[in-house]
Amino acid sequence: MAILIAEFGDQLVGRKTNEWRTLSDWLKHSEAEEQLTAKPKLMTRPVIRDGDTYYFCWYAATQEALLLG
């Protein structure tokens, strides 16, 4: 988890989910690592690992790197 937090930071937390809406105010204002530890379902997916490289979501840049690279 620490590697992903270091790589993607707060982007890793899905703030548009129902899980986010149910968080307490205290947890909503906590660091991403605490939020994901308390509610793992908050993690935005997919996170893809290709060797030592991590990709976040299925963006065009991710597709290009994995499919065309």
Protein backbone atom coordinates (compact mmCIF):
# COMPACT_ATOMS: atom_id res chain seq x y z
CA MET A 1 0.00 0.00 0.00
CA ALA A 2 2.81 2.44 0.84
CA ILE A 3 4.20 2.16 -2.69
CA LEU A 4 0.81 2.98 -4.19
CA ILE A 5 0.28 5.90 -1.81
CA ALA A 6 3.73 7.25 -2.69
CA GLU A 7 3.04 6.83 -6.41
CA PHE A 8 -0.55 8.11 -6.63
CA GLY A 9 -1.33 9.85 -3.34
CA ASP A 10 -4.91 11.01 -2.80
CA GLN A 11 -5.89 10.02 -6.35
CA LEU A 12 -6.02 6.44 -5.09
CA VAL A 13 -9.15 7.22 -3.04
CA GLY A 14 -12.44 7.04 -4.93
CA ARG A 15 -14.36 10.03 -3.67
CA LYS A 16 -17.36 9.51 -5.95
CA THR A 17 -18.36 6.18 -4.40
CA ASN A 18 -21.09 5.26 -1.94
CA GLU A 19 -18.35 4.08 0.42
CA TRP A 20 -16.95 7.63 0.50
CA ARG A 21 -20.34 9.10 1.31
CA THR A 22 -20.67 6.83 4.36
CA LEU A 23 -17.34 7.91 5.91
CA SER A 24 -17.32 10.00 9.04
CA ASP A 25 -16.17 13.60 8.68
CA TRP A 26 -13.04 12.72 10.63
CA LEU A 27 -12.12 9.94 8.21
CA LYS A 28 -12.94 12.09 5.16
CA HIS A 29 -10.31 14.55 6.38
CA SER A 30 -7.74 11.86 7.18
CA GLU A 31 -4.79 10.87 5.01
CA ALA A 32 -5.37 8.51 2.09
CA GLU A 33 -3.60 5.64 3.83
CA GLU A 34 -5.92 5.81 6.85
CA GLN A 35 -8.97 6.01 4.60
CA LEU A 36 -7.92 2.96 2.57
CA THR A 37 -6.98 0.99 5.67
CA ALA A 38 -10.40 1.65 7.17
CA LYS A 39 -12.32 1.07 3.92
CA PRO A 40 -10.33 -0.84 1.26
CA LYS A 41 -13.27 -0.56 -1.16
CA LEU A 42 -12.42 3.14 -1.49
CA MET A 43 -9.41 2.31 -3.66
CA THR A 44 -9.90 3.45 -7.23
CA ARG A 45 -9.36 0.60 -9.66
CA PRO A 46 -7.69 -0.73 -11.55
CA VAL A 47 -4.12 -0.37 -10.37
CA ILE A 48 -1.95 -2.31 -12.78
CA ARG A 49 1.60 -3.43 -12.10
CA ASP A 50 3.92 -4.11 -15.01
CA GLY A 51 7.32 -5.03 -13.61
CA ASP A 52 8.39 -2.10 -11.45
CA THR A 53 5.90 0.31 -13.03
CA TYR A 54 2.42 0.98 -11.66
CA TYR A 55 -0.46 2.36 -13.69
CA PHE A 56 -3.59 3.93 -12.28
CA CYS A 57 -6.96 3.49 -13.99
CA TRP A 58 -7.40 2.59 -17.62
CA TYR A 59 -6.48 5.97 -19.08
CA ALA A 60 -5.31 6.42 -22.67
CA ALA A 61 -1.70 6.72 -21.44
CA THR A 62 -2.04 3.41 -19.58
CA GLN A 63 -3.50 1.68 -22.62
CA GLU A 64 -0.77 3.06 -24.85
CA ALA A 65 2.01 1.99 -22.49
CA LEU A 66 0.66 -1.52 -21.99
CA LEU A 67 -0.84 -2.32 -25.38
CA LEU A 68 1.44 -0.47 -27.76
CA GLY A 69 4.61 -0.19 -25.70
